[in-house]
Amino acid sequence: MEAAGAIVIVILMVLASACGLLLYLLPAIVAGARGHQDALAITALTILLGWSLIGWAVALVWSLKAVQPRT
């Protein structure tokens, strides 16, 4: 039974890590889904400064800013 418990723990850790990664990259995902003109810059900001929470919040607000129509 110990092996089954270890497998469950590993699966839960993988799922928690995947959810954490998705949450960390949320500003980049939102920017890409909305077709934001600065999606690449938002992704870079998220990856480089998202750990600071301030950088993550700035990137999230930026990704939610109105998208300018391309001319």
PDB file of N, CA and C in Angstrom:
ATOM      1  N   MET A   1       0.806  -1.200   0.000  1.00  0.00           N
ATOM      2  CA  MET A   1       0.000   0.000   0.000  1.00  0.00           C
ATOM      3  C   MET A   1       0.849   1.265   0.000  1.00  0.00           C
ATOM      4  N   GLU A   2       2.065   1.197   0.463  1.00  0.00           N
ATOM      5  CA  GLU A   2       2.905   2.384   0.499  1.00  0.00           C
ATOM      6  C   GLU A   2       3.192   2.926  -0.896  1.00  0.00           C
ATOM      7  N   ALA A   3       3.364   2.045  -1.856  1.00  0.00           N
ATOM      8  CA  ALA A   3       3.645   2.478  -3.228  1.00  0.00           C
ATOM      9  C   ALA A   3       2.461   3.229  -3.815  1.00  0.00           C
ATOM     10  N   ALA A   4       1.255   2.777  -3.526  1.00  0.00           N
ATOM     11  CA  ALA A   4       0.061   3.463  -4.037  1.00  0.00           C
ATOM     12  C   ALA A   4      -0.050   4.853  -3.438  1.00  0.00           C
ATOM     13  N   GLY A   5       0.261   4.991  -2.162  1.00  0.00           N
ATOM     14  CA  GLY A   5       0.217   6.297  -1.509  1.00  0.00           C
ATOM     15  C   GLY A   5       1.248   7.248  -2.091  1.00  0.00           C
ATOM     16  N   ALA A   6       2.423   6.720  -2.390  1.00  0.00           N
ATOM     17  CA  ALA A   6       3.479   7.545  -2.980  1.00  0.00           C
ATOM     18  C   ALA A   6       3.079   8.013  -4.373  1.00  0.00           C
ATOM     19  N   ILE A   7       2.433   7.153  -5.129  1.00  0.00           N
ATOM     20  CA  ILE A   7       1.988   7.527  -6.477  1.00  0.00           C
ATOM     21  C   ILE A   7       0.945   8.629  -6.406  1.00  0.00           C
ATOM     22  N   VAL A   8       0.029   8.516  -5.455  1.00  0.00           N
ATOM     23  CA  VAL A   8      -0.999   9.548  -5.290  1.00  0.00           C
ATOM     24  C   VAL A   8      -0.355  10.879  -4.923  1.00  0.00           C
ATOM     25  N   ILE A   9       0.625  10.851  -4.048  1.00  0.00           N
ATOM     26  CA  ILE A   9       1.312  12.086  -3.650  1.00  0.00           C
ATOM     27  C   ILE A   9       2.025  12.706  -4.844  1.00  0.00           C
ATOM     28  N   VAL A  10       2.690  11.897  -5.655  1.00  0.00           N
ATOM     29  CA  VAL A  10       3.382  12.407  -6.844  1.00  0.00           C
ATOM     30  C   VAL A  10       2.385  13.024  -7.819  1.00  0.00           C
ATOM     31  N   ILE A  11       1.263  12.359  -8.031  1.00  0.00           N
ATOM     32  CA  ILE A  11       0.242  12.889  -8.942  1.00  0.00           C
ATOM     33  C   ILE A  11      -0.299  14.213  -8.424  1.00  0.00           C
ATOM     34  N   LEU A  12      -0.562  14.308  -7.120  1.00  0.00           N
ATOM     35  CA  LEU A  12      -1.053  15.556  -6.544  1.00  0.00           C
ATOM     36  C   LEU A  12      -0.016  16.674  -6.653  1.00  0.00           C
ATOM     37  N   MET A  13       1.254  16.333  -6.479  1.00  0.00           N
ATOM     38  CA  MET A  13       2.308  17.338  -6.614  1.00  0.00           C
ATOM     39  C   MET A  13       2.421  17.833  -8.052  1.00  0.00           C
ATOM     40  N   VAL A  14       2.284  16.941  -9.011  1.00  0.00           N
ATOM     41  CA  VAL A  14       2.335  17.332 -10.423  1.00  0.00           C
ATOM     42  C   VAL A  14       1.145  18.238 -10.751  1.00  0.00           C
ATOM     43  N   LEU A  15      -0.037  17.875 -10.282  1.00  0.00           N
ATOM     44  CA  LEU A  15      -1.219  18.700 -10.531  1.00  0.00           C
ATOM     45  C   LEU A  15      -1.096  20.071  -9.873  1.00  0.00           C
ATOM     46  N   ALA A  16      -0.598  20.111  -8.650  1.00  0.00           N
ATOM     47  CA  ALA A  16      -0.410  21.389  -7.959  1.00  0.00           C
ATOM     48  C   ALA A  16       0.616  22.259  -8.681  1.00  0.00           C
ATOM     49  N   SER A  17       1.679  21.645  -9.167  1.00  0.00           N
ATOM     50  CA  SER A  17       2.695  22.393  -9.911  1.00  0.00           C
ATOM     51  C   SER A  17       2.131  22.943 -11.212  1.00  0.00           C
ATOM     52  N   ALA A  18       1.335  22.138 -11.911  1.00  0.00           N
ATOM     53  CA  ALA A  18       0.724  22.592 -13.166  1.00  0.00           C
ATOM     54  C   ALA A  18      -0.235  23.748 -12.910  1.00  0.00           C
ATOM     55  N   CYS A  19      -1.029  23.656 -11.854  1.00  0.00           N
ATOM     56  CA  CYS A  19      -1.952  24.749 -11.514  1.00  0.00           C
ATOM     57  C   CYS A  19      -1.185  26.006 -11.137  1.00  0.00           C
ATOM     58  N   GLY A  20      -0.095  25.842 -10.396  1.00  0.00           N
ATOM     59  CA  GLY A  20       0.731  26.986 -10.026  1.00  0.00           C
ATOM     60  C   GLY A  20       1.349  27.648 -11.242  1.00  0.00           C
ATOM     61  N   LEU A  21       1.821  26.854 -12.179  1.00  0.00           N
ATOM     62  CA  LEU A  21       2.414  27.399 -13.400  1.00  0.00           C
ATOM     63  C   LEU A  21       1.373  28.151 -14.223  1.00  0.00           C
ATOM     64  N   LEU A  22       0.171  27.589 -14.332  1.00  0.00           N
ATOM     65  CA  LEU A  22      -0.901  28.274 -15.067  1.00  0.00           C
ATOM     66  C   LEU A  22      -1.257  29.598 -14.400  1.00  0.00           C
ATOM     67  N   LEU A  23      -1.312  29.615 -13.079  1.00  0.00           N
ATOM     68  CA  LEU A  23      -1.609  30.853 -12.362  1.00  0.00           C
ATOM     69  C   LEU A  23      -0.494  31.873 -12.553  1.00  0.00           C
ATOM     70  N   TYR A  24       0.748  31.417 -12.504  1.00  0.00           N
ATOM     71  CA  TYR A  24       1.898  32.297 -12.699  1.00  0.00           C
ATOM     72  C   TYR A  24       1.883  32.928 -14.091  1.00  0.00           C
ATOM     73  N   LEU A  25       1.502  32.146 -15.098  1.00  0.00           N
ATOM     74  CA  LEU A  25       1.498  32.630 -16.473  1.00  0.00           C
ATOM     75  C   LEU A  25       0.156  33.220 -16.900  1.00  0.00           C
ATOM     76  N   LEU A  26      -0.763  33.405 -15.961  1.00  0.00           N
ATOM     77  CA  LEU A  26      -2.095  33.909 -16.282  1.00  0.00           C
ATOM     78  C   LEU A  26      -2.071  35.223 -17.080  1.00  0.00           C
ATOM     79  N   PRO A  27      -1.246  36.222 -16.712  1.00  0.00           N
ATOM     80  CA  PRO A  27      -1.241  37.446 -17.530  1.00  0.00           C
ATOM     81  C   PRO A  27      -0.850  37.194 -18.987  1.00  0.00           C
ATOM     82  N   ALA A  28       0.113  36.326 -19.211  1.00  0.00           N
ATOM     83  CA  ALA A  28       0.534  36.012 -20.583  1.00  0.00           C
ATOM     84  C   ALA A  28      -0.567  35.262 -21.325  1.00  0.00           C
ATOM     85  N   ILE A  29      -1.249  34.366 -20.640  1.00  0.00           N
ATOM     86  CA  ILE A  29      -2.337  33.612 -21.257  1.00  0.00           C
ATOM     87  C   ILE A  29      -3.485  34.539 -21.631  1.00  0.00           C
ATOM     88  N   VAL A  30      -3.832  35.460 -20.728  1.00  0.00           N
ATOM     89  CA  VAL A  30      -4.915  36.414 -20.998  1.00  0.00           C
ATOM     90  C   VAL A  30      -4.554  37.310 -22.175  1.00  0.00           C
ATOM     91  N   ALA A  31      -3.317  37.818 -22.182  1.00  0.00           N
ATOM     92  CA  ALA A  31      -2.888  38.696 -23.279  1.00  0.00           C
ATOM     93  C   ALA A  31      -2.932  37.969 -24.618  1.00  0.00           C
ATOM     94  N   GLY A  32      -2.476  36.747 -24.641  1.00  0.00           N
ATOM     95  CA  GLY A  32      -2.500  35.978 -25.885  1.00  0.00           C
ATOM     96  C   GLY A  32      -3.912  35.669 -26.346  1.00  0.00           C
ATOM     97  N   ALA A  33      -4.775  35.321 -25.408  1.00  0.00           N
ATOM     98  CA  ALA A  33      -6.162  34.988 -25.765  1.00  0.00           C
ATOM     99  C   ALA A  33      -6.922  36.211 -26.272  1.00  0.00           C
ATOM    100  N   ARG A  34      -6.590  37.392 -25.757  1.00  0.00           N
ATOM    101  CA  ARG A  34      -7.273  38.608 -26.181  1.00  0.00           C
ATOM    102  C   ARG A  34      -6.647  39.222 -27.427  1.00  0.00           C
ATOM    103  N   GLY A  35      -5.539  38.677 -27.895  1.00  0.00           N
ATOM    104  CA  GLY A  35      -4.873  39.237 -29.064  1.00  0.00           C
ATOM    105  C   GLY A  35      -4.259  40.589 -28.771  1.00  0.00           C
ATOM    106  N   HIS A  36      -3.759  40.753 -27.571  1.00  0.00           N
ATOM    107  CA  HIS A  36      -3.178  42.030 -27.142  1.00  0.00           C
ATOM    108  C   HIS A  36      -1.955  42.344 -27.981  1.00  0.00           C
ATOM    109  N   GLN A  37      -1.827  43.607 -28.390  1.00  0.00           N
ATOM    110  CA  GLN A  37      -0.712  43.998 -29.257  1.00  0.00           C
ATOM    111  C   GLN A  37       0.638  43.910 -28.544  1.00  0.00           C
ATOM    112  N   ASP A  38       0.645  43.932 -27.213  1.00  0.00           N
ATOM    113  CA  ASP A  38       1.875  43.841 -26.432  1.00  0.00           C
ATOM    114  C   ASP A  38       2.006  42.484 -25.740  1.00  0.00           C
ATOM    115  N   ALA A  39       1.444  41.449 -26.321  1.00  0.00           N
ATOM    116  CA  ALA A  39       1.438  40.130 -25.685  1.00  0.00           C
ATOM    117  C   ALA A  39       2.852  39.619 -25.410  1.00  0.00           C
ATOM    118  N   LEU A  40       3.776  39.852 -26.315  1.00  0.00           N
ATOM    119  CA  LEU A  40       5.146  39.383 -26.119  1.00  0.00           C
ATOM    120  C   LEU A  40       5.802  40.113 -24.941  1.00  0.00           C
ATOM    121  N   ALA A  41       5.600  41.411 -24.848  1.00  0.00           N
ATOM    122  CA  ALA A  41       6.162  42.181 -23.739  1.00  0.00           C
ATOM    123  C   ALA A  41       5.525  41.775 -22.407  1.00  0.00           C
ATOM    124  N   ILE A  42       4.242  41.512 -22.419  1.00  0.00           N
ATOM    125  CA  ILE A  42       3.545  41.074 -21.204  1.00  0.00           C
ATOM    126  C   ILE A  42       4.069  39.709 -20.771  1.00  0.00           C
ATOM    127  N   THR A  43       4.298  38.834 -21.725  1.00  0.00           N
ATOM    128  CA  THR A  43       4.851  37.514 -21.413  1.00  0.00           C
ATOM    129  C   THR A  43       6.247  37.646 -20.815  1.00  0.00           C
ATOM    130  N   ALA A  44       7.073  38.507 -21.399  1.00  0.00           N
ATOM    131  CA  ALA A  44       8.422  38.720 -20.875  1.00  0.00           C
ATOM    132  C   ALA A  44       8.372  39.281 -19.459  1.00  0.00           C
ATOM    133  N   LEU A  45       7.502  40.245 -19.221  1.00  0.00           N
ATOM    134  CA  LEU A  45       7.364  40.821 -17.887  1.00  0.00           C
ATOM    135  C   LEU A  45       6.907  39.767 -16.888  1.00  0.00           C
ATOM    136  N   THR A  46       5.972  38.947 -17.294  1.00  0.00           N
ATOM    137  CA  THR A  46       5.465  37.895 -16.419  1.00  0.00           C
ATOM    138  C   THR A  46       6.567  36.906 -16.052  1.00  0.00           C
ATOM    139  N   ILE A  47       7.328  36.487 -17.046  1.00  0.00           N
ATOM    140  CA  ILE A  47       8.379  35.503 -16.788  1.00  0.00           C
ATOM    141  C   ILE A  47       9.504  36.090 -15.947  1.00  0.00           C
ATOM    142  N   LEU A  48       9.901  37.324 -16.260  1.00  0.00           N
ATOM    143  CA  LEU A  48      11.052  37.913 -15.582  1.00  0.00           C
ATOM    144  C   LEU A  48      10.727  38.516 -14.217  1.00  0.00           C
ATOM    145  N   LEU A  49       9.562  39.127 -14.064  1.00  0.00           N
ATOM    146  CA  LEU A  49       9.245  39.815 -12.811  1.00  0.00           C
ATOM    147  C   LEU A  49       7.987  39.308 -12.125  1.00  0.00           C
ATOM    148  N   GLY A  50       7.380  38.258 -12.661  1.00  0.00           N
ATOM    149  CA  GLY A  50       6.160  37.743 -12.060  1.00  0.00           C
ATOM    150  C   GLY A  50       6.349  37.239 -10.648  1.00  0.00           C
ATOM    151  N   TRP A  51       7.550  36.778 -10.320  1.00  0.00           N
ATOM    152  CA  TRP A  51       7.841  36.269  -8.989  1.00  0.00           C
ATOM    153  C   TRP A  51       7.687  37.340  -7.916  1.00  0.00           C
ATOM    154  N   SER A  52       7.790  38.619  -8.287  1.00  0.00           N
ATOM    155  CA  SER A  52       7.756  39.694  -7.294  1.00  0.00           C
ATOM    156  C   SER A  52       6.341  40.068  -6.869  1.00  0.00           C
ATOM    157  N   LEU A  53       5.350  39.496  -7.449  1.00  0.00           N
ATOM    158  CA  LEU A  53       3.941  39.764  -7.226  1.00  0.00           C
ATOM    159  C   LEU A  53       3.545  41.147  -7.735  1.00  0.00           C
ATOM    160  N   ILE A  54       4.374  42.143  -7.554  1.00  0.00           N
ATOM    161  CA  ILE A  54       4.092  43.462  -8.124  1.00  0.00           C
ATOM    162  C   ILE A  54       4.198  43.381  -9.639  1.00  0.00           C
ATOM    163  N   GLY A  55       5.256  42.737 -10.136  1.00  0.00           N
ATOM    164  CA  GLY A  55       5.410  42.547 -11.578  1.00  0.00           C
ATOM    165  C   GLY A  55       4.278  41.727 -12.156  1.00  0.00           C
ATOM    166  N   TRP A  56       3.827  40.716 -11.410  1.00  0.00           N
ATOM    167  CA  TRP A  56       2.717  39.874 -11.862  1.00  0.00           C
ATOM    168  C   TRP A  56       1.436  40.692 -11.940  1.00  0.00           C
ATOM    169  N   ALA A  57       1.183  41.522 -10.918  1.00  0.00           N
ATOM    170  CA  ALA A  57      -0.035  42.342 -10.896  1.00  0.00           C
ATOM    171  C   ALA A  57      -0.011  43.373 -12.029  1.00  0.00           C
ATOM    172  N   VAL A  58       1.141  43.984 -12.267  1.00  0.00           N
ATOM    173  CA  VAL A  58       1.261  44.953 -13.356  1.00  0.00           C
ATOM    174  C   VAL A  58       1.002  44.262 -14.698  1.00  0.00           C
ATOM    175  N   ALA A  59       1.575  43.077 -14.881  1.00  0.00           N
ATOM    176  CA  ALA A  59       1.370  42.339 -16.128  1.00  0.00           C
ATOM    177  C   ALA A  59      -0.098  41.951 -16.304  1.00  0.00           C
ATOM    178  N   LEU A  60      -0.764  41.576 -15.220  1.00  0.00           N
ATOM    179  CA  LEU A  60      -2.175  41.204 -15.314  1.00  0.00           C
ATOM    180  C   LEU A  60      -3.030  42.409 -15.690  1.00  0.00           C
ATOM    181  N   VAL A  61      -2.787  43.544 -15.047  1.00  0.00           N
ATOM    182  CA  VAL A  61      -3.548  44.756 -15.381  1.00  0.00           C
ATOM    183  C   VAL A  61      -3.277  45.159 -16.816  1.00  0.00           C
ATOM    184  N   TRP A  62      -2.024  45.087 -17.237  1.00  0.00           N
ATOM    185  CA  TRP A  62      -1.649  45.433 -18.609  1.00  0.00           C
ATOM    186  C   TRP A  62      -2.345  44.506 -19.598  1.00  0.00           C
ATOM    187  N   SER A  63      -2.431  43.221 -19.271  1.00  0.00           N
ATOM    188  CA  SER A  63      -3.078  42.275 -20.191  1.00  0.00           C
ATOM    189  C   SER A  63      -4.577  42.516 -20.292  1.00  0.00           C
ATOM    190  N   LEU A  64      -5.163  43.127 -19.272  1.00  0.00           N
ATOM    191  CA  LEU A  64      -6.585  43.402 -19.275  1.00  0.00           C
ATOM    192  C   LEU A  64      -6.923  44.778 -19.857  1.00  0.00           C
ATOM    193  N   LYS A  65      -5.885  45.568 -20.141  1.00  0.00           N
ATOM    194  CA  LYS A  65      -6.087  46.893 -20.738  1.00  0.00           C
ATOM    195  C   LYS A  65      -6.704  46.730 -22.128  1.00  0.00           C
ATOM    196  N   ALA A  66      -7.467  47.721 -22.521  1.00  0.00           N
ATOM    197  CA  ALA A  66      -8.158  47.669 -23.824  1.00  0.00           C
ATOM    198  C   ALA A  66      -7.181  47.396 -24.968  1.00  0.00           C
ATOM    199  N   VAL A  67      -7.588  46.527 -25.841  1.00  0.00           N
ATOM    200  CA  VAL A  67      -6.783  46.172 -27.010  1.00  0.00           C
ATOM    201  C   VAL A  67      -7.076  47.168 -28.126  1.00  0.00           C
ATOM    202  N   GLN A  68      -6.011  47.750 -28.666  1.00  0.00           N
ATOM    203  CA  GLN A  68      -6.161  48.705 -29.762  1.00  0.00           C
ATOM    204  C   GLN A  68      -6.353  47.937 -31.061  1.00  0.00           C
ATOM    205  N   PRO A  69      -7.322  48.358 -31.880  1.00  0.00           N
ATOM    206  CA  PRO A  69      -7.499  47.672 -33.170  1.00  0.00           C
ATOM    207  C   PRO A  69      -6.300  47.925 -34.079  1.00  0.00           C
ATOM    208  N   ARG A  70      -5.890  46.885 -34.776  1.00  0.00           N
ATOM    209  CA  ARG A  70      -4.751  47.021 -35.694  1.00  0.00           C
ATOM    210  C   ARG A  70      -5.226  47.681 -36.973  1.00  0.00           C
ATOM    211  N   THR A  71      -4.455  48.632 -37.440  1.00  0.00           N
ATOM    212  CA  THR A  71      -4.840  49.355 -38.666  1.00  0.00           C
ATOM    213  C   THR A  71      -3.967  48.961 -39.819  1.00  0.00           C
TER     214      THR A  71
END
